[in-house]
Amino acid sequence: MTSLVLGFGLAFDDLYSDAGLARVDAAFADHLKDADVALYNRLMAARGTPAALAEKDASQLLIDIGPHVEDFI
């Protein structure tokens, strides 16, 4: 039986392990960086210091990332 293969060189089994989820996250980060480096930089800054991000800015970041998540999926 073959495993379902997802885009970006990922496998369905990646969704069920910490290491696999790290690969999914890295693939999304690469995808975002290629599509919009400024948005990628905002996400990385927010991840680095989440407490420094105002709630409104966090909400806007999620809204701005949404279309890229859709493209990635």
Protein backbone atom coordinates (compact mmCIF):
# COMPACT_ATOMS: atom_id res chain seq x y z
CA MET A 1 0.00 0.00 0.00
CA THR A 2 1.39 3.40 -0.93
CA SER A 3 1.08 6.43 1.28
CA LEU A 4 -0.72 9.53 0.04
CA VAL A 5 1.81 12.03 -1.24
CA LEU A 6 1.08 15.69 -0.73
CA GLY A 7 2.59 18.67 -2.48
CA PHE A 8 5.92 20.18 -1.49
CA GLY A 9 7.47 16.74 -1.06
CA LEU A 10 5.33 16.01 1.99
CA ALA A 11 3.57 12.74 2.83
CA PHE A 12 0.27 12.20 4.62
CA ASP A 13 2.17 10.56 7.47
CA ASP A 14 3.93 13.89 8.08
CA LEU A 15 0.68 15.17 9.57
CA TYR A 16 0.97 12.72 12.46
CA SER A 17 4.42 13.41 13.87
CA ASP A 18 6.24 16.37 15.36
CA ALA A 19 9.05 16.01 12.84
CA GLY A 20 6.56 15.82 9.99
CA LEU A 21 4.69 18.89 11.19
CA ALA A 22 7.99 20.73 11.37
CA ARG A 23 8.51 19.83 7.68
CA VAL A 24 5.01 21.08 6.86
CA ASP A 25 5.72 24.32 8.71
CA ALA A 26 9.06 24.76 6.95
CA ALA A 27 7.45 24.10 3.57
CA PHE A 28 4.77 26.71 4.29
CA ALA A 29 7.39 29.22 5.44
CA ASP A 30 9.33 28.67 2.20
CA HIS A 31 6.12 29.03 0.20
CA LEU A 32 5.26 32.28 1.97
CA LYS A 33 8.79 33.65 1.60
CA ASP A 34 8.71 32.99 -2.14
CA ALA A 35 5.29 34.62 -2.48
CA ASP A 36 5.65 37.63 -0.17
CA VAL A 37 8.92 38.21 1.66
CA ALA A 38 7.57 41.16 3.67
CA LEU A 39 4.70 39.05 4.99
CA TYR A 40 7.11 36.20 5.72
CA ASN A 41 9.26 38.63 7.73
CA ARG A 42 6.19 39.80 9.69
CA LEU A 43 5.32 36.19 10.51
CA MET A 44 8.85 35.35 11.61
CA ALA A 45 9.00 38.48 13.78
CA ALA A 46 5.66 37.57 15.36
CA ARG A 47 6.86 34.05 16.05
CA GLY A 48 10.07 35.37 17.57
CA THR A 49 8.36 37.73 19.99
CA PRO A 50 4.63 36.94 20.08
CA ALA A 51 3.99 39.08 23.17
CA ALA A 52 5.25 42.16 21.31
CA LEU A 53 2.47 41.87 18.73
CA ALA A 54 -0.67 43.85 19.49
CA GLU A 55 -3.91 41.86 19.24
CA LYS A 56 -5.12 43.91 16.28
CA ASP A 57 -1.80 43.36 14.48
CA ALA A 58 -1.97 39.62 15.22
CA SER A 59 -5.46 39.50 13.74
CA GLN A 60 -4.32 41.40 10.65
CA LEU A 61 -1.38 39.05 10.23
CA LEU A 62 -3.72 36.05 10.22
CA ILE A 63 -5.99 37.73 7.68
CA ASP A 64 -3.03 38.59 5.45
CA ILE A 65 -1.62 35.05 5.64
CA GLY A 66 -4.99 33.41 4.90
CA PRO A 67 -4.76 33.49 1.09
CA HIS A 68 -1.26 32.02 1.24
CA VAL A 69 -2.47 29.19 3.48
CA GLU A 70 -5.22 28.51 0.94
CA ASP A 71 -2.68 28.43 -1.91
CA PHE A 72 -0.40 26.16 0.12
CA ILE A 73 -3.16 23.69 0.92
